[in-house]
Amino acid sequence: MGLVTLYQVGILKHLPEPPLPRLDADRVDASAEAYALLELPDGVLGLGSYAATMALAAMGGQDRVTERPWLPLMLAVKVAFDLSQAGRLTLNQASKQRAFCIWCLLAAASTALTAPLVIPEAYAALRRLLGKTS
């Protein structure tokens, strides 16, 4: 998201990507949809969102399942939201832009890879909150 943001604010004039069919990061990241929310570049929103996810992942220490079980549950909800956004934006690229941004696809894939990492801890936290410790 850092490169996308640098492009969207005008520091980079072009986003590098492999010369593959349907890849056009410049077109995708300069589209009206990329600035639709609050007239703010979506790269900036993405950076903020990933920072919030990282903060939730880092909070609470090693015993957070027992001491602060709401933290893993909040992280799971945040990751679910991130997954829905990544899916929505990828579908938008396919349907409206008819092109893809390789950086956006990498961000979506990274987001998808976080789900299996947060599920076990969220499950343990939910069991803890429900009083099922076995």
N, C-alpha and C. Protein backbone atom coordinates (compact mmCIF):
# COMPACT_ATOMS: atom_id res chain seq x y z
N MET A 1 0.81 -1.19 0.00
CA MET A 1 0.00 0.00 0.00
C MET A 1 0.86 1.25 0.00
N GLY A 2 2.08 1.13 0.47
CA GLY A 2 2.97 2.28 0.48
C GLY A 2 3.26 2.78 -0.92
N LEU A 3 3.57 1.87 -1.84
CA LEU A 3 3.84 2.27 -3.22
C LEU A 3 2.60 2.87 -3.88
N VAL A 4 1.46 2.25 -3.64
CA VAL A 4 0.21 2.76 -4.20
C VAL A 4 -0.05 4.17 -3.68
N THR A 5 0.16 4.39 -2.40
CA THR A 5 -0.04 5.72 -1.82
C THR A 5 0.92 6.73 -2.43
N LEU A 6 2.18 6.35 -2.58
CA LEU A 6 3.15 7.26 -3.19
C LEU A 6 2.72 7.64 -4.61
N TYR A 7 2.16 6.72 -5.34
CA TYR A 7 1.64 7.01 -6.68
C TYR A 7 0.42 7.93 -6.60
N GLN A 8 -0.49 7.61 -5.70
CA GLN A 8 -1.74 8.37 -5.62
C GLN A 8 -1.54 9.81 -5.14
N VAL A 9 -0.50 10.06 -4.39
CA VAL A 9 -0.24 11.44 -3.95
C VAL A 9 0.74 12.16 -4.87
N GLY A 10 1.17 11.51 -5.94
CA GLY A 10 1.97 12.17 -6.95
C GLY A 10 3.48 12.09 -6.79
N ILE A 11 3.96 11.36 -5.81
CA ILE A 11 5.41 11.24 -5.63
C ILE A 11 5.99 10.31 -6.69
N LEU A 12 5.32 9.18 -6.95
CA LEU A 12 5.70 8.30 -8.05
C LEU A 12 4.83 8.62 -9.26
N LYS A 13 5.44 8.63 -10.43
CA LYS A 13 4.69 8.93 -11.65
C LYS A 13 4.15 7.67 -12.32
N HIS A 14 4.66 6.52 -11.90
CA HIS A 14 4.25 5.24 -12.51
C HIS A 14 4.48 4.13 -11.50
N LEU A 15 3.55 3.18 -11.44
CA LEU A 15 3.72 2.02 -10.57
C LEU A 15 4.31 0.87 -11.39
N PRO A 16 5.47 0.39 -11.00
CA PRO A 16 6.07 -0.73 -11.75
C PRO A 16 5.28 -2.02 -11.52
N GLU A 17 5.19 -2.81 -12.55
CA GLU A 17 4.54 -4.12 -12.45
C GLU A 17 4.97 -4.97 -13.64
N PRO A 18 4.82 -6.28 -13.54
CA PRO A 18 5.21 -7.14 -14.65
C PRO A 18 4.35 -6.86 -15.88
N PRO A 19 4.91 -7.03 -17.06
CA PRO A 19 4.15 -6.77 -18.29
C PRO A 19 3.24 -7.95 -18.64
N LEU A 20 2.20 -8.11 -17.85
CA LEU A 20 1.25 -9.21 -18.05
C LEU A 20 -0.10 -8.65 -18.48
N PRO A 21 -0.86 -9.44 -19.22
CA PRO A 21 -2.18 -8.97 -19.66
C PRO A 21 -3.06 -8.60 -18.46
N ARG A 22 -3.85 -7.57 -18.63
CA ARG A 22 -4.83 -7.08 -17.67
C ARG A 22 -4.22 -6.44 -16.41
N LEU A 23 -2.90 -6.29 -16.37
CA LEU A 23 -2.30 -5.56 -15.26
C LEU A 23 -2.12 -4.11 -15.70
N ASP A 24 -2.71 -3.20 -14.92
CA ASP A 24 -2.58 -1.77 -15.19
C ASP A 24 -2.81 -1.02 -13.88
N ALA A 25 -1.79 -1.07 -13.03
CA ALA A 25 -1.90 -0.46 -11.72
C ALA A 25 -2.16 1.04 -11.81
N ASP A 26 -1.54 1.70 -12.78
CA ASP A 26 -1.75 3.14 -12.91
C ASP A 26 -3.23 3.46 -13.14
N ARG A 27 -3.87 2.72 -14.02
CA ARG A 27 -5.28 2.98 -14.31
C ARG A 27 -6.16 2.67 -13.10
N VAL A 28 -5.92 1.54 -12.46
CA VAL A 28 -6.73 1.13 -11.31
C VAL A 28 -6.58 2.13 -10.17
N ASP A 29 -5.34 2.50 -9.86
CA ASP A 29 -5.10 3.34 -8.70
C ASP A 29 -5.34 4.83 -8.95
N ALA A 30 -5.61 5.19 -10.19
CA ALA A 30 -5.99 6.58 -10.51
C ALA A 30 -7.48 6.68 -10.82
N SER A 31 -8.21 5.59 -10.69
CA SER A 31 -9.63 5.59 -11.02
C SER A 31 -10.43 6.40 -10.00
N ALA A 32 -11.63 6.78 -10.38
CA ALA A 32 -12.51 7.52 -9.47
C ALA A 32 -12.81 6.70 -8.22
N GLU A 33 -12.95 5.38 -8.38
CA GLU A 33 -13.24 4.52 -7.22
C GLU A 33 -12.11 4.57 -6.19
N ALA A 34 -10.88 4.79 -6.64
CA ALA A 34 -9.74 4.82 -5.72
C ALA A 34 -9.76 6.06 -4.82
N TYR A 35 -10.61 7.03 -5.15
CA TYR A 35 -10.71 8.26 -4.36
C TYR A 35 -12.13 8.49 -3.87
N ALA A 36 -12.98 7.49 -3.96
CA ALA A 36 -14.41 7.66 -3.69
C ALA A 36 -14.73 7.94 -2.23
N LEU A 37 -14.03 7.33 -1.30
CA LEU A 37 -14.35 7.51 0.12
C LEU A 37 -13.60 8.73 0.66
N LEU A 38 -14.35 9.73 1.04
CA LEU A 38 -13.81 10.96 1.62
C LEU A 38 -12.87 11.72 0.68
N GLU A 39 -12.91 11.42 -0.60
CA GLU A 39 -12.00 12.00 -1.58
C GLU A 39 -10.55 11.82 -1.14
N LEU A 40 -10.28 10.68 -0.57
CA LEU A 40 -8.97 10.33 -0.03
C LEU A 40 -8.44 9.14 -0.82
N PRO A 41 -7.15 9.14 -1.19
CA PRO A 41 -6.61 7.98 -1.90
C PRO A 41 -6.81 6.70 -1.07
N ASP A 42 -7.28 5.65 -1.73
CA ASP A 42 -7.54 4.42 -0.98
C ASP A 42 -6.26 3.77 -0.47
N GLY A 43 -5.12 4.12 -1.02
CA GLY A 43 -3.85 3.62 -0.48
C GLY A 43 -3.63 4.12 0.94
N VAL A 44 -3.98 5.36 1.20
CA VAL A 44 -3.87 5.93 2.54
C VAL A 44 -4.80 5.20 3.50
N LEU A 45 -6.02 4.96 3.04
CA LEU A 45 -6.98 4.20 3.87
C LEU A 45 -6.45 2.79 4.14
N GLY A 46 -5.87 2.17 3.12
CA GLY A 46 -5.31 0.83 3.29
C GLY A 46 -4.18 0.80 4.31
N LEU A 47 -3.30 1.80 4.24
CA LEU A 47 -2.21 1.87 5.21
C LEU A 47 -2.75 2.01 6.63
N GLY A 48 -3.75 2.86 6.80
CA GLY A 48 -4.36 3.02 8.12
C GLY A 48 -5.02 1.75 8.61
N SER A 49 -5.69 1.07 7.70
CA SER A 49 -6.37 -0.17 8.05
C SER A 49 -5.37 -1.25 8.47
N TYR A 50 -4.30 -1.37 7.69
CA TYR A 50 -3.29 -2.38 8.03
C TYR A 50 -2.57 -2.02 9.34
N ALA A 51 -2.39 -0.74 9.60
CA ALA A 51 -1.79 -0.33 10.88
C ALA A 51 -2.69 -0.72 12.05
N ALA A 52 -4.01 -0.55 11.87
CA ALA A 52 -4.95 -0.94 12.93
C ALA A 52 -4.92 -2.46 13.15
N THR A 53 -4.86 -3.21 12.07
CA THR A 53 -4.77 -4.67 12.18
C THR A 53 -3.49 -5.07 12.89
N MET A 54 -2.38 -4.43 12.53
CA MET A 54 -1.10 -4.74 13.16
C MET A 54 -1.14 -4.40 14.65
N ALA A 55 -1.77 -3.30 15.00
CA ALA A 55 -1.87 -2.93 16.42
C ALA A 55 -2.67 -3.97 17.19
N LEU A 56 -3.79 -4.42 16.62
CA LEU A 56 -4.59 -5.45 17.29
C LEU A 56 -3.81 -6.75 17.44
N ALA A 57 -3.00 -7.08 16.44
CA ALA A 57 -2.21 -8.32 16.51
C ALA A 57 -1.11 -8.21 17.56
N ALA A 58 -0.60 -7.01 17.78
CA ALA A 58 0.52 -6.82 18.71
C ALA A 58 0.08 -6.58 20.16
N MET A 59 -1.18 -6.22 20.36
CA MET A 59 -1.67 -5.87 21.70
C MET A 59 -1.83 -7.09 22.61
N GLY A 60 -1.56 -6.88 23.88
CA GLY A 60 -2.00 -7.83 24.88
C GLY A 60 -1.01 -8.86 25.36
N GLY A 61 0.10 -9.02 24.72
CA GLY A 61 1.09 -9.98 25.19
C GLY A 61 0.73 -11.43 24.93
N GLN A 62 1.56 -12.32 25.43
CA GLN A 62 1.42 -13.75 25.15
C GLN A 62 0.21 -14.39 25.82
N ASP A 63 -0.25 -13.85 26.92
CA ASP A 63 -1.38 -14.44 27.65
C ASP A 63 -2.69 -13.74 27.34
N ARG A 64 -2.79 -13.11 26.20
CA ARG A 64 -3.99 -12.32 25.93
C ARG A 64 -5.26 -13.15 25.79
N VAL A 65 -5.15 -14.42 25.43
CA VAL A 65 -6.34 -15.27 25.35
C VAL A 65 -6.98 -15.41 26.72
N THR A 66 -6.18 -15.52 27.75
CA THR A 66 -6.73 -15.66 29.10
C THR A 66 -6.96 -14.32 29.79
N GLU A 67 -6.07 -13.36 29.56
CA GLU A 67 -6.16 -12.08 30.25
C GLU A 67 -7.06 -11.06 29.53
N ARG A 68 -7.05 -11.07 28.23
CA ARG A 68 -7.85 -10.11 27.44
C ARG A 68 -8.43 -10.82 26.21
N PRO A 69 -9.34 -11.77 26.42
CA PRO A 69 -9.84 -12.56 25.30
C PRO A 69 -10.57 -11.75 24.24
N TRP A 70 -11.01 -10.56 24.57
CA TRP A 70 -11.68 -9.72 23.58
C TRP A 70 -10.72 -9.25 22.50
N LEU A 71 -9.40 -9.18 22.80
CA LEU A 71 -8.43 -8.74 21.78
C LEU A 71 -8.35 -9.70 20.59
N PRO A 72 -8.18 -11.01 20.80
CA PRO A 72 -8.16 -11.91 19.63
C PRO A 72 -9.49 -11.89 18.86
N LEU A 73 -10.59 -11.69 19.59
CA LEU A 73 -11.88 -11.63 18.91
C LEU A 73 -12.00 -10.35 18.07
N MET A 74 -11.51 -9.24 18.60
CA MET A 74 -11.51 -7.99 17.82
C MET A 74 -10.62 -8.14 16.58
N LEU A 75 -9.48 -8.79 16.75
CA LEU A 75 -8.59 -9.02 15.61
C LEU A 75 -9.28 -9.88 14.56
N ALA A 76 -9.99 -10.90 14.98
CA ALA A 76 -10.69 -11.76 14.03
C ALA A 76 -11.77 -10.98 13.27
N VAL A 77 -12.49 -10.13 13.97
CA VAL A 77 -13.51 -9.30 13.31
C VAL A 77 -12.86 -8.34 12.33
N LYS A 78 -11.74 -7.75 12.73
CA LYS A 78 -11.02 -6.82 11.84
C LYS A 78 -10.52 -7.54 10.60
N VAL A 79 -9.96 -8.73 10.76
CA VAL A 79 -9.47 -9.50 9.62
C VAL A 79 -10.63 -9.90 8.70
N ALA A 80 -11.77 -10.25 9.28
CA ALA A 80 -12.96 -10.55 8.46
C ALA A 80 -13.38 -9.33 7.65
N PHE A 81 -13.37 -8.16 8.27
CA PHE A 81 -13.67 -6.92 7.55
C PHE A 81 -12.64 -6.69 6.43
N ASP A 82 -11.36 -6.87 6.76
CA ASP A 82 -10.30 -6.69 5.76
C ASP A 82 -10.50 -7.64 4.58
N LEU A 83 -10.87 -8.88 4.87
CA LEU A 83 -11.11 -9.86 3.80
C LEU A 83 -12.28 -9.43 2.92
N SER A 84 -13.32 -8.92 3.52
CA SER A 84 -14.46 -8.47 2.72
C SER A 84 -14.08 -7.29 1.84
N GLN A 85 -13.29 -6.38 2.38
CA GLN A 85 -12.84 -5.24 1.59
C GLN A 85 -11.91 -5.67 0.46
N ALA A 86 -10.99 -6.57 0.75
CA ALA A 86 -10.07 -7.06 -0.28
C ALA A 86 -10.84 -7.74 -1.40
N GLY A 87 -11.83 -8.53 -1.04
CA GLY A 87 -12.67 -9.18 -2.05
C GLY A 87 -13.46 -8.18 -2.86
N ARG A 88 -14.05 -7.19 -2.19
CA ARG A 88 -14.83 -6.16 -2.88
C ARG A 88 -13.97 -5.38 -3.86
N LEU A 89 -12.77 -4.99 -3.42
CA LEU A 89 -11.89 -4.22 -4.30
C LEU A 89 -11.38 -5.05 -5.47
N THR A 90 -11.11 -6.32 -5.24
CA THR A 90 -10.66 -7.19 -6.33
C THR A 90 -11.78 -7.38 -7.35
N LEU A 91 -13.00 -7.59 -6.87
CA LEU A 91 -14.14 -7.70 -7.78
C LEU A 91 -14.37 -6.40 -8.55
N ASN A 92 -14.16 -5.27 -7.90
CA ASN A 92 -14.28 -3.98 -8.57
C ASN A 92 -13.26 -3.86 -9.70
N GLN A 93 -12.05 -4.30 -9.44
CA GLN A 93 -11.03 -4.26 -10.49
C GLN A 93 -11.45 -5.12 -11.68
N ALA A 94 -11.99 -6.29 -11.40
CA ALA A 94 -12.39 -7.20 -12.48
C ALA A 94 -13.60 -6.67 -13.25
N SER A 95 -14.59 -6.14 -12.53
CA SER A 95 -15.84 -5.76 -13.19
C SER A 95 -15.85 -4.33 -13.72
N LYS A 96 -15.37 -3.38 -12.94
CA LYS A 96 -15.44 -1.98 -13.36
C LYS A 96 -14.17 -1.51 -14.07
N GLN A 97 -13.02 -1.87 -13.55
CA GLN A 97 -11.77 -1.39 -14.14
C GLN A 97 -11.32 -2.25 -15.33
N ARG A 98 -11.74 -3.50 -15.31
CA ARG A 98 -11.31 -4.47 -16.32
C ARG A 98 -9.78 -4.55 -16.42
N ALA A 99 -9.16 -4.29 -15.27
CA ALA A 99 -7.70 -4.35 -15.13
C ALA A 99 -7.40 -4.59 -13.67
N PHE A 100 -6.20 -5.03 -13.40
CA PHE A 100 -5.80 -5.34 -12.04
C PHE A 100 -4.52 -4.60 -11.68
N CYS A 101 -4.39 -4.29 -10.41
CA CYS A 101 -3.17 -3.71 -9.85
C CYS A 101 -2.44 -4.84 -9.12
N ILE A 102 -1.23 -5.14 -9.55
CA ILE A 102 -0.48 -6.24 -8.93
C ILE A 102 -0.26 -5.98 -7.45
N TRP A 103 -0.07 -4.71 -7.07
CA TRP A 103 0.16 -4.37 -5.66
C TRP A 103 -1.09 -4.60 -4.84
N CYS A 104 -2.24 -4.31 -5.44
CA CYS A 104 -3.52 -4.55 -4.76
C CYS A 104 -3.78 -6.04 -4.62
N LEU A 105 -3.44 -6.80 -5.65
CA LEU A 105 -3.62 -8.25 -5.58
C LEU A 105 -2.71 -8.86 -4.52
N LEU A 106 -1.49 -8.35 -4.41
CA LEU A 106 -0.58 -8.83 -3.36
C LEU A 106 -1.11 -8.48 -1.98
N ALA A 107 -1.66 -7.30 -1.84
CA ALA A 107 -2.26 -6.90 -0.55
C ALA A 107 -3.45 -7.79 -0.22
N ALA A 108 -4.29 -8.08 -1.22
CA ALA A 108 -5.46 -8.95 -1.00
C ALA A 108 -5.01 -10.36 -0.61
N ALA A 109 -3.98 -10.87 -1.28
CA ALA A 109 -3.47 -12.21 -0.95
C ALA A 109 -2.89 -12.23 0.46
N SER A 110 -2.16 -11.19 0.83
CA SER A 110 -1.60 -11.11 2.19
C SER A 110 -2.71 -11.06 3.22
N THR A 111 -3.77 -10.34 2.91
CA THR A 111 -4.91 -10.27 3.81
C THR A 111 -5.54 -11.65 3.97
N ALA A 112 -5.69 -12.35 2.86
CA ALA A 112 -6.28 -13.70 2.92
C ALA A 112 -5.41 -14.65 3.75
N LEU A 113 -4.12 -14.46 3.70
CA LEU A 113 -3.22 -15.33 4.46
C LEU A 113 -3.28 -15.06 5.96
N THR A 114 -3.83 -13.93 6.37
CA THR A 114 -3.92 -13.65 7.81
C THR A 114 -5.04 -14.44 8.48
N ALA A 115 -6.07 -14.79 7.74
CA ALA A 115 -7.22 -15.48 8.35
C ALA A 115 -6.82 -16.75 9.08
N PRO A 116 -6.09 -17.68 8.44
CA PRO A 116 -5.74 -18.89 9.17
C PRO A 116 -4.81 -18.64 10.36
N LEU A 117 -4.17 -17.48 10.39
CA LEU A 117 -3.29 -17.16 11.51
C LEU A 117 -4.08 -16.68 12.74
N VAL A 118 -5.22 -16.05 12.53
CA VAL A 118 -5.97 -15.49 13.66
C VAL A 118 -7.08 -16.42 14.17
N ILE A 119 -7.52 -17.36 13.36
CA ILE A 119 -8.65 -18.21 13.74
C ILE A 119 -8.37 -19.04 15.00
N PRO A 120 -7.23 -19.73 15.12
CA PRO A 120 -7.02 -20.54 16.34
C PRO A 120 -7.06 -19.72 17.63
N GLU A 121 -6.45 -18.56 17.63
CA GLU A 121 -6.45 -17.74 18.83
C GLU A 121 -7.85 -17.19 19.12
N ALA A 122 -8.56 -16.80 18.08
CA ALA A 122 -9.93 -16.30 18.28
C ALA A 122 -10.83 -17.41 18.81
N TYR A 123 -10.66 -18.61 18.31
CA TYR A 123 -11.44 -19.75 18.79
C TYR A 123 -11.14 -20.01 20.27
N ALA A 124 -9.86 -19.98 20.64
CA ALA A 124 -9.49 -20.19 22.05
C ALA A 124 -10.05 -19.09 22.93
N ALA A 125 -10.05 -17.85 22.44
CA ALA A 125 -10.59 -16.73 23.21
C ALA A 125 -12.10 -16.87 23.38
N LEU A 126 -12.76 -17.27 22.33
CA LEU A 126 -14.22 -17.46 22.41
C LEU A 126 -14.56 -18.57 23.41
N ARG A 127 -13.82 -19.67 23.36
CA ARG A 127 -14.04 -20.75 24.33
C ARG A 127 -13.78 -20.24 25.76
N ARG A 128 -12.78 -19.42 25.92
CA ARG A 128 -12.46 -18.86 27.24
C ARG A 128 -13.63 -18.01 27.74
N LEU A 129 -14.16 -17.14 26.87
CA LEU A 129 -15.27 -16.28 27.26
C LEU A 129 -16.54 -17.07 27.58
N LEU A 130 -16.72 -18.18 26.88
CA LEU A 130 -17.90 -19.02 27.11
C LEU A 130 -17.71 -20.01 28.26
N GLY A 131 -16.51 -19.97 28.88
CA GLY A 131 -16.26 -20.82 30.03
C GLY A 131 -15.89 -22.25 29.69
N LYS A 132 -15.52 -22.49 28.46
CA LYS A 132 -15.12 -23.84 28.03
C LYS A 132 -13.60 -23.87 27.92
N THR A 133 -12.95 -24.36 28.92
CA THR A 133 -11.49 -24.31 28.96
C THR A 133 -10.84 -25.61 28.53
N SER A 134 -11.57 -26.66 28.22
CA SER A 134 -10.92 -27.92 27.85
C SER A 134 -10.48 -27.93 26.42
